[in-house]
Amino acid sequence: MRFLLVLLVLPLLFTDAFSQTKLKKIESYLEKARSDWGVPGMAVAIVKDGKVVLNKGFGVKEAGQQEPVDENTLFAIASNTKAFISSALGNLVADGSIDWDDKVVDYLPYFELYDAYVTREITIRDLLCHRAGLGTYSGDVIWYKSELTAEEVIRRSKYVPQAFSFRSGYGYSNLMFIVAGEVIKAVTGMEWDDYLGDSFFDPLNMTRTITTSDDLNRLGNFATPHKPDGNKNLPIDWVFWEDMGSGAAAGIITSSSDMAKWINMNLQNGIVNGDTILDPKQQNILWTPHNNFVMTASSKEWIPGRHFNGYGLGWGTYDYHGRQVITHGGGYDGMYSRVVLVPDENLGFVMLTNSMIGISNPLMLYLINAYIGGDEQDWSLKYLNRNRGGGIEAMVELREAKRKENTKPSKELEEYTGNYHDPMYGTISTTLADGKLRLNFENAPALSATLEHWHYDTWEIKWDKTHAWFDFGTLRFDMDNNLEILGIEFDVPNYDIFFDEIHAKIVK
């Protein structure tokens, strides 16, 4: 009997020892990658076969300080909020309150888009899979650092330009998830975050999950956002995304410990301890591709084993060596995040970072391969070498090279002052203070700036505050043939907040 007992126990001990060895290797790799990429702090949780096998902080909460990140440190997860929103709507479908193909205007009569037909026909399902016809990130300038409510943002969406035919393309739209949050409110009578609390945060005991940075000091133990600045990371302030009306698109703040609970629930088909947190049938719909887009030759070369790429409802999805991968990223001012589920392997993980450095994709590939016995190449190094140079810096350098020195403006400074209005964005004013032109945004005072002459009738925007997504920018005064000012146009190179969508005309 003792001999038989030893035979039974030895494989378990061997398996456990193997797992511990693998985890130590993973921990070492994660820490080295964090250091190599220059990320100040990171938290990672891995869930395998219903257990949290790794939940750990790496690095520090703030660059130059000593306080370490741990599994309870709070980070903004930004667009990983979208899966919570789509899951909440899935439960509303399950209980018969709504249908995926209900028309949005039946719940929000004030909702309008660029075309009357689209306005009439767009459904809840359409909101969640980025096929409304809007360009990727188009219209985000409406809500960014603004003081508009969600409804006010939505009412301005009708002025956002069409990028492709309705349901015939892919354009990642934060605006449509803001709309989805207001649909939840219209159906339940509750704010979207209160409904998420009742549906997910409380049942899953996600006690350190919040939806406003106002609560950070109450909970404590939170990371500082950072903006890359050359080879350094510049600490920046938390931004109140919930106050911008954009919370339903990107408003959740949480920890790796709480996200591990969310991941495990999703891997268990929405059922935890016998309780249905997320209806399994609806979860399957969330993970079903609703909007597919082309896998480029470059993508196939960089990620062999991947053949399709699509978006479900609040989740991205693709194949990888015969496994379906369910994933989403998130980008907040000074923080990036990534959630990954591999249901076939009963595997999931989350990565939370306190800098805007794109470390999550290579670490995602490393972790998946570590568990499926796949490609063991150094994914971190591969992507690090790929990402060196270029980017926004190159865009700014191009503009600097085209600057015409020793030119003068066409008018006296006071003649440039006035109010300029864009129906999508609102009113922007230029004033004169202490001999300099000032730029003021009626709905977003945090974007105020001083204008310094660049060349001709173009002025460089010197922002009063540091902004995560952009630094350099210019404003041009448009004039008619008689040098009468008609309006203003912006050029602020960045990948997310498109000031060039603003076409403000002078108010006379």
Protein backbone atom coordinates (compact mmCIF):
# COMPACT_ATOMS: atom_id res chain seq x y z
CA MET A 1 0.00 0.00 0.00
CA ARG A 2 2.84 2.38 0.83
CA PHE A 3 4.46 1.55 -2.48
CA LEU A 4 1.22 2.25 -4.34
CA LEU A 5 0.76 5.51 -2.44
CA VAL A 6 4.27 6.63 -3.47
CA LEU A 7 3.46 5.79 -7.10
CA LEU A 8 0.35 7.95 -6.88
CA VAL A 9 2.03 10.89 -5.15
CA LEU A 10 5.23 11.05 -7.21
CA PRO A 11 3.56 12.27 -10.43
CA LEU A 12 1.75 14.99 -8.49
CA LEU A 13 4.99 16.12 -6.87
CA PHE A 14 6.74 16.05 -10.22
CA THR A 15 3.96 18.07 -11.86
CA ASP A 16 3.97 20.62 -9.04
CA ALA A 17 7.76 20.95 -9.19
CA PHE A 18 7.56 21.38 -12.97
CA SER A 19 4.88 24.07 -12.59
CA GLN A 20 6.91 25.93 -9.97
CA THR A 21 9.97 25.84 -12.19
CA LYS A 22 7.95 27.18 -15.11
CA LEU A 23 6.50 29.98 -13.00
CA LYS A 24 9.91 31.05 -11.73
CA LYS A 25 11.11 31.18 -15.33
CA ILE A 26 8.05 33.24 -16.27
CA GLU A 27 8.59 35.64 -13.36
CA SER A 28 12.22 36.17 -14.36
CA TYR A 29 11.25 36.79 -17.96
CA LEU A 30 8.53 39.29 -17.02
CA GLU A 31 10.89 41.24 -14.78
CA LYS A 32 13.65 41.33 -17.40
CA ALA A 33 11.19 42.49 -20.07
CA ARG A 34 9.83 45.20 -17.78
CA SER A 35 13.37 46.45 -17.17
CA ASP A 36 14.43 46.20 -20.82
CA TRP A 37 11.40 48.19 -22.00
CA GLY A 38 11.78 50.78 -19.24
CA VAL A 39 8.33 50.27 -17.70
CA PRO A 40 8.35 51.60 -14.09
CA GLY A 41 5.75 49.19 -12.70
CA MET A 42 3.63 46.25 -13.75
CA ALA A 43 1.21 43.75 -12.22
CA VAL A 44 0.53 40.35 -13.78
CA ALA A 45 -1.96 37.64 -12.84
CA ILE A 46 -2.20 34.23 -14.52
CA VAL A 47 -5.20 31.93 -14.11
CA LYS A 48 -4.85 28.27 -15.14
CA ASP A 49 -7.39 25.50 -14.68
CA GLY A 50 -9.46 27.54 -12.26
CA LYS A 51 -6.53 28.60 -10.05
CA VAL A 52 -4.54 31.80 -9.78
CA VAL A 53 -1.03 30.41 -10.34
CA LEU A 54 0.74 33.80 -10.46
CA ASN A 55 -0.35 37.16 -9.10
CA LYS A 56 2.51 39.53 -8.59
CA GLY A 57 3.75 43.08 -8.90
CA PHE A 58 6.97 44.07 -10.65
CA GLY A 59 8.83 47.34 -10.33
CA VAL A 60 7.56 50.45 -8.57
CA LYS A 61 4.42 52.55 -8.45
CA GLU A 62 6.28 55.69 -9.44
CA ALA A 63 9.57 56.15 -11.26
CA GLY A 64 12.32 57.33 -8.91
CA GLN A 65 10.45 56.13 -5.83
CA GLN A 66 10.83 52.90 -3.89
CA GLU A 67 7.25 51.80 -3.17
CA PRO A 68 6.73 48.50 -5.02
CA VAL A 69 3.78 47.41 -7.11
CA ASP A 70 1.88 44.44 -5.65
CA GLU A 71 -1.14 42.37 -6.60
CA ASN A 72 -3.53 44.91 -5.05
CA THR A 73 -2.08 48.03 -6.66
CA LEU A 74 -4.69 49.93 -8.67
CA PHE A 75 -4.29 50.66 -12.38
CA ALA A 76 -6.65 52.07 -14.99
CA ILE A 77 -7.67 49.33 -17.43
CA ALA A 78 -9.22 51.78 -19.92
CA SER A 79 -10.79 49.91 -22.86
CA ASN A 80 -10.81 46.60 -21.02
CA THR A 81 -13.93 48.19 -19.56
CA LYS A 82 -15.67 47.39 -22.85
CA ALA A 83 -15.96 43.67 -22.08
CA PHE A 84 -17.77 44.52 -18.84
CA ILE A 85 -20.21 46.73 -20.76
CA SER A 86 -20.94 44.08 -23.40
CA SER A 87 -21.29 41.41 -20.69
CA ALA A 88 -23.79 43.58 -18.80
CA LEU A 89 -25.82 43.98 -21.97
CA GLY A 90 -25.54 40.22 -22.50
CA ASN A 91 -27.21 39.61 -19.17
CA LEU A 92 -29.95 42.07 -20.08
CA VAL A 93 -30.51 40.05 -23.25
CA ALA A 94 -30.58 36.85 -21.20
CA ASP A 95 -33.30 38.15 -18.87
CA GLY A 96 -35.40 39.43 -21.78
CA SER A 97 -34.96 43.14 -21.07
CA ILE A 98 -33.43 43.80 -24.48
CA ASP A 99 -32.46 42.05 -27.70
CA TRP A 100 -29.09 42.38 -29.43
CA ASP A 101 -30.84 43.64 -32.55
CA ASP A 102 -32.98 46.25 -30.84
CA LYS A 103 -32.62 49.69 -32.39
CA VAL A 104 -30.58 52.14 -30.32
CA VAL A 105 -33.04 55.00 -30.96
CA ASP A 106 -35.76 53.00 -29.22
CA TYR A 107 -33.82 53.55 -25.98
CA LEU A 108 -32.07 56.85 -26.75
CA PRO A 109 -34.39 58.96 -28.96
CA TYR A 110 -31.82 61.78 -29.07
CA PHE A 111 -29.15 59.55 -30.63
CA GLU A 112 -28.11 60.52 -34.17
CA LEU A 113 -25.28 59.64 -36.52
CA TYR A 114 -24.07 60.98 -39.86
CA ASP A 115 -26.98 59.50 -41.83
CA ALA A 116 -30.71 59.18 -41.14
CA TYR A 117 -30.83 55.55 -42.31
CA VAL A 118 -27.92 54.57 -40.06
CA THR A 119 -29.46 56.42 -37.14
CA ARG A 120 -32.70 54.51 -37.63
CA GLU A 121 -31.15 51.08 -38.20
CA ILE A 122 -28.11 50.84 -35.92
CA THR A 123 -28.58 48.21 -33.20
CA ILE A 124 -27.13 47.47 -29.79
CA ARG A 125 -25.09 44.71 -31.44
CA ASP A 126 -23.64 47.23 -33.91
CA LEU A 127 -22.49 49.51 -31.10
CA LEU A 128 -20.29 46.78 -29.62
CA CYS A 129 -18.39 45.54 -32.70
CA HIS A 130 -17.14 48.76 -34.31
CA ARG A 131 -19.09 48.66 -37.57
CA ALA A 132 -21.07 51.89 -37.24
CA GLY A 133 -19.14 53.50 -40.10
CA LEU A 134 -16.99 55.78 -37.94
CA GLY A 135 -13.21 55.83 -38.22
CA THR A 136 -10.97 54.38 -35.52
CA TYR A 137 -10.84 56.80 -32.56
CA SER A 138 -12.84 59.32 -34.60
CA GLY A 139 -14.70 61.76 -32.37
CA ASP A 140 -12.62 61.07 -29.27
CA VAL A 141 -11.57 64.71 -29.34
CA ILE A 142 -15.16 65.56 -28.33
CA TRP A 143 -14.85 63.98 -24.89
CA TYR A 144 -11.12 64.11 -24.19
CA LYS A 145 -10.55 66.27 -21.10
CA SER A 146 -13.96 67.85 -21.61
CA GLU A 147 -16.59 68.61 -19.01
CA LEU A 148 -19.43 67.27 -21.16
CA THR A 149 -21.80 64.61 -19.88
CA ALA A 150 -22.22 61.30 -21.71
CA GLU A 151 -25.49 62.50 -23.22
CA GLU A 152 -23.90 65.73 -24.42
CA VAL A 153 -21.07 63.75 -26.05
CA ILE A 154 -23.60 61.46 -27.75
CA ARG A 155 -25.63 64.38 -29.07
CA ARG A 156 -22.51 65.69 -30.84
CA SER A 157 -21.77 62.31 -32.44
CA LYS A 158 -24.01 63.15 -35.40
CA TYR A 159 -21.30 65.53 -36.62
CA VAL A 160 -18.53 62.92 -36.61
CA PRO A 161 -17.74 62.15 -40.27
CA GLN A 162 -18.52 58.84 -41.92
CA ALA A 163 -15.41 56.77 -42.68
CA PHE A 164 -16.93 53.73 -44.42
CA SER A 165 -20.30 52.27 -45.29
CA PHE A 166 -22.46 51.10 -42.42
CA ARG A 167 -21.57 47.50 -41.38
CA SER A 168 -18.95 47.19 -44.12
CA GLY A 169 -15.74 47.95 -42.25
CA TYR A 170 -14.00 48.24 -38.92
CA GLY A 171 -13.51 51.49 -37.05
CA TYR A 172 -12.73 51.22 -33.34
CA SER A 173 -15.22 53.57 -31.69
CA ASN A 174 -15.13 54.69 -28.08
CA LEU A 175 -18.15 56.86 -28.83
CA MET A 176 -20.36 53.85 -29.52
CA PHE A 177 -19.50 52.30 -26.14
CA ILE A 178 -20.43 55.59 -24.47
CA VAL A 179 -23.77 55.14 -26.21
CA ALA A 180 -23.93 51.53 -24.92
CA GLY A 181 -23.44 52.77 -21.37
CA GLU A 182 -26.39 55.10 -21.75
CA VAL A 183 -28.50 52.22 -23.14
CA ILE A 184 -27.80 50.34 -19.89
CA LYS A 185 -29.00 53.38 -17.97
CA ALA A 186 -32.15 53.71 -20.11
CA VAL A 187 -33.05 50.03 -19.60
CA THR A 188 -32.18 49.60 -15.92
CA GLY A 189 -32.60 53.10 -14.51
CA MET A 190 -29.05 52.76 -13.12
CA GLU A 191 -25.80 54.39 -14.13
CA TRP A 192 -23.64 51.93 -16.08
CA ASP A 193 -21.06 51.60 -13.29
CA ASP A 194 -23.70 50.96 -10.61
CA TYR A 195 -25.14 48.22 -12.79
CA LEU A 196 -21.67 46.70 -13.27
CA GLY A 197 -21.23 46.77 -9.50
CA ASP A 198 -24.41 44.81 -8.92
CA SER A 199 -23.75 42.42 -11.82
CA PHE A 200 -20.02 41.71 -11.53
CA PHE A 201 -17.99 43.64 -8.97
CA ASP A 202 -20.03 42.59 -5.93
CA PRO A 203 -20.76 38.94 -6.89
CA LEU A 204 -17.10 38.38 -7.77
CA ASN A 205 -15.89 40.16 -4.63
CA MET A 206 -13.93 42.68 -6.70
CA THR A 207 -13.54 44.94 -3.68
CA ARG A 208 -10.77 47.09 -5.17
CA THR A 209 -12.52 47.91 -8.41
CA ILE A 210 -13.75 51.48 -8.91
CA THR A 211 -14.90 53.68 -11.76
CA THR A 212 -13.59 57.09 -10.76
CA SER A 213 -10.16 58.32 -9.76
CA ASP A 214 -11.93 60.32 -7.02
CA ASP A 215 -11.86 57.06 -5.02
CA LEU A 216 -8.11 56.44 -5.30
CA ASN A 217 -7.15 58.11 -2.06
CA ARG A 218 -9.92 56.28 -0.21
CA LEU A 219 -8.57 52.88 -1.27
CA GLY A 220 -4.87 53.72 -1.39
CA ASN A 221 -2.15 51.61 -3.03
CA PHE A 222 -2.42 52.98 -6.56
CA ALA A 223 0.15 53.35 -9.32
CA THR A 224 1.18 56.69 -10.81
CA PRO A 225 0.65 57.14 -14.55
CA HIS A 226 3.75 57.88 -16.62
CA LYS A 227 4.41 59.40 -20.01
CA PRO A 228 7.52 58.23 -21.90
CA ASP A 229 9.95 61.11 -22.31
CA GLY A 230 13.02 60.00 -24.22
CA ASN A 231 14.67 57.34 -22.09
CA LYS A 232 12.74 58.42 -19.00
CA ASN A 233 9.23 58.07 -17.67
CA LEU A 234 7.60 61.32 -16.62
CA PRO A 235 5.04 60.96 -13.82
CA ILE A 236 1.76 62.63 -14.77
CA ASP A 237 -1.54 63.24 -13.00
CA TRP A 238 -4.47 60.87 -13.03
CA VAL A 239 -7.11 62.08 -15.47
CA PHE A 240 -10.80 61.98 -14.56
CA TRP A 241 -12.13 59.97 -17.50
CA GLU A 242 -15.48 59.38 -15.80
CA ASP A 243 -15.96 63.14 -15.59
CA MET A 244 -15.42 63.34 -19.37
CA GLY A 245 -18.52 61.29 -20.07
CA SER A 246 -16.35 58.50 -21.46
CA GLY A 247 -16.49 56.11 -18.51
CA ALA A 248 -18.51 53.37 -20.22
CA ALA A 249 -15.82 53.14 -22.90
CA ALA A 250 -12.84 53.08 -20.59
CA GLY A 251 -13.56 54.01 -16.96
CA ILE A 252 -12.67 51.03 -14.74
CA ILE A 253 -9.75 51.15 -12.29
CA THR A 254 -8.76 47.87 -10.64
CA SER A 255 -5.98 45.49 -9.56
CA SER A 256 -4.53 42.27 -10.93
CA SER A 257 -6.15 40.39 -8.02
CA ASP A 258 -9.62 41.61 -8.95
CA MET A 259 -9.02 41.04 -12.65
CA ALA A 260 -8.00 37.44 -11.92
CA LYS A 261 -11.53 36.93 -10.52
CA TRP A 262 -13.04 38.41 -13.67
CA ILE A 263 -10.82 36.22 -15.86
CA ASN A 264 -11.64 33.05 -13.94
CA MET A 265 -15.37 33.74 -14.19
CA ASN A 266 -15.07 34.11 -17.95
CA LEU A 267 -13.03 30.90 -18.25
CA GLN A 268 -15.70 29.06 -16.24
CA ASN A 269 -18.38 30.00 -18.81
CA GLY A 270 -19.75 32.70 -16.53
CA ILE A 271 -20.53 30.39 -13.62
CA VAL A 272 -18.81 30.71 -10.23
CA ASN A 273 -19.64 28.43 -7.28
CA GLY A 274 -22.85 27.43 -8.99
CA ASP A 275 -24.00 31.03 -9.51
CA THR A 276 -24.47 32.33 -13.06
CA ILE A 277 -22.66 35.65 -13.19
CA LEU A 278 -22.69 35.85 -16.99
CA ASP A 279 -25.15 33.87 -19.08
CA PRO A 280 -23.09 31.22 -20.97
CA LYS A 281 -25.15 31.50 -24.15
CA GLN A 282 -24.61 35.24 -24.28
CA GLN A 283 -20.92 34.85 -23.47
CA ASN A 284 -20.60 32.68 -26.57
CA ILE A 285 -22.14 35.49 -28.60
CA LEU A 286 -19.68 38.00 -27.12
CA TRP A 287 -16.80 35.78 -28.25
CA THR A 288 -18.19 35.16 -31.74
CA PRO A 289 -16.53 37.31 -34.43
CA HIS A 290 -19.01 39.92 -35.64
CA ASN A 291 -16.54 42.06 -37.56
CA ASN A 292 -13.58 40.49 -39.33
CA PHE A 293 -10.66 42.35 -40.82
CA VAL A 294 -7.69 41.49 -42.99
CA MET A 295 -4.64 39.77 -41.57
CA THR A 296 -1.81 41.49 -43.39
CA ALA A 297 1.22 39.64 -44.69
CA SER A 298 3.31 41.50 -42.11
CA SER A 299 1.04 40.34 -39.28
CA LYS A 300 1.30 36.72 -40.41
CA GLU A 301 5.06 37.05 -40.61
CA TRP A 302 5.35 38.56 -37.14
CA ILE A 303 2.87 36.16 -35.55
CA PRO A 304 3.05 32.81 -37.37
CA GLY A 305 0.20 30.51 -36.45
CA ARG A 306 -2.42 33.23 -36.69
CA HIS A 307 -4.84 33.25 -39.62
CA PHE A 308 -7.83 35.47 -38.84
CA ASN A 309 -8.46 38.57 -36.82
CA GLY A 310 -11.85 39.80 -35.70
CA TYR A 311 -13.91 41.57 -33.09
CA GLY A 312 -16.81 40.10 -31.15
CA LEU A 313 -18.83 42.21 -28.74
CA GLY A 314 -16.44 44.05 -26.45
CA TRP A 315 -13.68 41.49 -27.14
CA GLY A 316 -11.12 40.99 -29.89
CA THR A 317 -10.62 37.44 -31.11
CA TYR A 318 -8.23 35.50 -33.34
CA ASP A 319 -6.75 32.03 -33.75
CA TYR A 320 -3.27 31.02 -32.63
CA HIS A 321 -1.92 27.54 -33.45
CA GLY A 322 -5.42 26.10 -33.42
CA ARG A 323 -6.60 27.86 -30.26
CA GLN A 324 -9.07 30.70 -30.08
CA VAL A 325 -7.67 33.73 -28.27
CA ILE A 326 -10.06 36.23 -26.68
CA THR A 327 -8.33 39.47 -25.80
CA HIS A 328 -8.51 43.23 -25.41
CA GLY A 329 -6.11 46.04 -24.72
CA GLY A 330 -6.56 49.31 -22.91
CA GLY A 331 -4.83 52.67 -23.14
CA TYR A 332 -5.30 55.36 -20.49
CA ASP A 333 -3.34 58.56 -19.93
CA GLY A 334 -0.08 57.06 -18.64
CA MET A 335 -1.17 53.40 -18.39
CA TYR A 336 -1.62 50.39 -20.68
CA SER A 337 -3.33 47.06 -19.98
CA ARG A 338 -4.04 43.74 -21.69
CA VAL A 339 -6.45 40.89 -20.86
CA VAL A 340 -6.04 37.52 -22.59
CA LEU A 341 -8.20 34.39 -22.48
CA VAL A 342 -7.31 31.06 -24.13
CA PRO A 343 -10.44 28.99 -23.35
CA ASP A 344 -9.12 25.80 -24.98
CA GLU A 345 -6.28 25.79 -22.46
CA ASN A 346 -8.40 27.08 -19.57
CA LEU A 347 -5.81 29.83 -19.41
CA GLY A 348 -6.11 33.58 -18.88
CA PHE A 349 -3.95 36.44 -17.75
CA VAL A 350 -3.88 40.18 -17.26
CA MET A 351 -1.03 42.68 -17.54
CA LEU A 352 -1.32 46.16 -16.03
CA THR A 353 1.39 48.77 -16.53
CA ASN A 354 1.91 52.34 -15.38
CA SER A 355 3.45 53.68 -18.56
CA MET A 356 2.43 54.13 -22.19
CA ILE A 357 4.96 51.62 -23.47
CA GLY A 358 3.63 48.77 -25.61
CA ILE A 359 5.01 45.79 -23.73
CA SER A 360 1.79 43.77 -23.56
CA ASN A 361 1.72 42.20 -27.04
CA PRO A 362 5.12 40.48 -26.83
CA LEU A 363 4.43 39.35 -23.26
CA MET A 364 1.06 37.99 -24.39
CA LEU A 365 2.76 35.88 -27.06
CA TYR A 366 5.43 34.74 -24.63
CA LEU A 367 2.90 33.62 -22.02
CA ILE A 368 0.63 31.82 -24.48
CA ASN A 369 3.57 29.93 -25.94
CA ALA A 370 4.89 29.10 -22.48
CA TYR A 371 1.67 27.21 -21.77
CA ILE A 372 0.99 25.60 -25.14
CA GLY A 373 4.61 24.54 -25.67
CA GLY A 374 4.89 26.78 -28.73
CA ASP A 375 7.46 29.16 -30.15
CA GLU A 376 10.02 29.91 -27.43
CA GLN A 377 11.74 32.80 -29.21
CA ASP A 378 12.43 35.95 -27.21
CA TRP A 379 9.23 37.81 -28.10
CA SER A 380 10.14 40.77 -25.91
CA LEU A 381 13.45 41.35 -27.65
CA LYS A 382 11.90 40.85 -31.07
CA TYR A 383 9.28 43.55 -30.48
CA LEU A 384 11.68 45.83 -28.65
CA ASN A 385 13.98 45.95 -31.67
CA ARG A 386 10.97 46.52 -33.94
CA ASN A 387 9.68 49.46 -31.89
CA ARG A 388 12.89 51.47 -31.75
CA GLY A 389 12.64 54.91 -33.34
CA GLY A 390 9.92 56.43 -35.51
CA GLY A 391 6.47 57.18 -34.19
CA ILE A 392 5.21 60.60 -33.21
CA GLU A 393 8.76 61.93 -32.84
CA ALA A 394 9.31 61.40 -36.57
CA MET A 395 6.04 63.17 -37.35
CA VAL A 396 7.10 66.19 -35.30
CA GLU A 397 10.57 66.25 -36.88
CA LEU A 398 8.97 66.37 -40.33
CA ARG A 399 6.95 69.41 -39.35
CA GLU A 400 9.95 71.10 -37.79
CA ALA A 401 11.92 70.56 -40.99
CA LYS A 402 9.22 72.36 -42.99
CA ARG A 403 9.08 75.40 -40.73
CA LYS A 404 9.80 78.67 -42.52
CA GLU A 405 12.02 80.88 -40.41
CA ASN A 406 11.90 84.68 -40.28
CA THR A 407 8.28 85.02 -41.37
CA LYS A 408 5.67 87.29 -39.87
CA PRO A 409 1.94 86.97 -39.22
CA SER A 410 -0.41 88.78 -41.61
CA LYS A 411 -2.21 90.69 -38.86
CA GLU A 412 -1.73 92.42 -35.55
CA LEU A 413 -2.19 90.09 -32.57
CA GLU A 414 -5.53 91.49 -31.44
CA GLU A 415 -7.00 90.79 -34.89
CA TYR A 416 -6.59 87.05 -34.29
CA THR A 417 -8.76 87.11 -31.19
CA GLY A 418 -12.32 85.89 -31.30
CA ASN A 419 -14.69 82.99 -30.88
CA TYR A 420 -14.61 80.02 -33.23
CA HIS A 421 -17.33 77.39 -33.34
CA ASP A 422 -17.50 73.82 -34.59
CA PRO A 423 -20.86 72.01 -34.25
CA MET A 424 -19.17 68.76 -33.30
CA TYR A 425 -16.76 70.24 -30.79
CA GLY A 426 -18.21 73.50 -29.52
CA THR A 427 -16.64 76.92 -29.02
CA ILE A 428 -12.92 77.69 -28.96
CA SER A 429 -11.69 81.20 -28.26
CA THR A 430 -8.47 83.10 -28.74
CA THR A 431 -7.73 86.02 -26.45
CA LEU A 432 -4.85 88.39 -25.81
CA ALA A 433 -3.14 88.33 -22.41
CA ASP A 434 0.19 89.91 -21.46
CA GLY A 435 1.02 90.48 -25.10
CA LYS A 436 0.46 86.84 -26.12
CA LEU A 437 -2.35 84.96 -27.78
CA ARG A 438 -4.17 82.50 -25.57
CA LEU A 439 -6.17 79.46 -26.69
CA ASN A 440 -9.22 78.44 -24.65
CA PHE A 441 -11.61 75.51 -25.08
CA GLU A 442 -15.05 76.25 -23.68
CA ASN A 443 -15.86 72.64 -22.76
CA ALA A 444 -12.30 71.55 -21.96
CA PRO A 445 -10.47 74.21 -19.94
CA ALA A 446 -7.71 71.69 -19.17
CA LEU A 447 -6.58 72.08 -22.81
CA SER A 448 -5.85 75.81 -22.51
CA ALA A 449 -2.60 76.99 -24.07
CA THR A 450 -0.46 79.92 -25.18
CA LEU A 451 0.10 80.46 -28.90
CA GLU A 452 3.62 81.28 -30.10
CA HIS A 453 4.29 82.28 -33.68
CA TRP A 454 5.49 79.36 -35.82
CA HIS A 455 5.42 80.75 -39.37
CA TYR A 456 3.11 82.92 -41.46
CA ASP A 457 -0.38 82.59 -39.91
CA THR A 458 0.38 79.35 -38.11
CA TRP A 459 1.07 79.29 -34.38
CA GLU A 460 2.60 76.67 -32.14
CA ILE A 461 0.37 75.47 -29.29
CA LYS A 462 2.17 75.62 -25.94
CA TRP A 463 -0.13 73.64 -23.67
CA ASP A 464 -0.47 74.85 -20.09
CA LYS A 465 -0.45 71.25 -18.84
CA THR A 466 1.32 68.06 -19.83
CA HIS A 467 -0.87 65.76 -21.90
CA ALA A 468 -0.28 62.07 -22.28
CA TRP A 469 -1.10 61.59 -25.96
CA PHE A 470 0.47 64.67 -27.52
CA ASP A 471 3.00 67.46 -27.01
CA PHE A 472 3.68 69.43 -30.15
CA GLY A 473 0.85 71.02 -32.11
CA THR A 474 0.05 73.97 -34.32
CA LEU A 475 -3.00 76.09 -35.09
CA ARG A 476 -3.53 77.83 -38.44
CA PHE A 477 -5.81 80.81 -39.00
CA ASP A 478 -7.61 80.38 -42.34
CA MET A 479 -8.29 83.56 -44.30
CA ASP A 480 -10.07 84.64 -47.46
CA ASN A 481 -8.45 86.59 -50.30
CA ASN A 482 -8.90 89.82 -48.38
CA LEU A 483 -7.15 88.47 -45.26
CA GLU A 484 -10.40 88.21 -43.35
CA ILE A 485 -10.17 85.34 -40.86
CA LEU A 486 -12.60 82.51 -41.61
CA GLY A 487 -11.68 79.90 -39.01
CA ILE A 488 -8.98 77.82 -37.40
CA GLU A 489 -7.48 74.41 -38.20
CA PHE A 490 -5.36 72.18 -35.97
CA ASP A 491 -2.38 69.92 -36.54
CA VAL A 492 -1.57 67.96 -33.37
CA PRO A 493 0.30 64.77 -34.35
CA ASN A 494 -0.77 61.76 -32.28
CA TYR A 495 -2.54 58.44 -32.76
CA ASP A 496 -5.72 58.90 -30.74
CA ILE A 497 -7.04 62.43 -30.19
CA PHE A 498 -7.72 63.90 -33.61
CA PHE A 499 -7.79 67.68 -33.35
CA ASP A 500 -7.82 67.84 -37.16
CA GLU A 501 -11.48 66.76 -37.01
CA ILE A 502 -12.25 70.21 -35.58
CA HIS A 503 -13.12 72.81 -38.24
CA ALA A 504 -14.07 75.83 -36.19
CA LYS A 505 -15.43 78.86 -38.04
CA ILE A 506 -15.28 82.38 -36.68
CA VAL A 507 -18.41 83.59 -34.93
CA LYS A 508 -19.36 87.07 -36.11
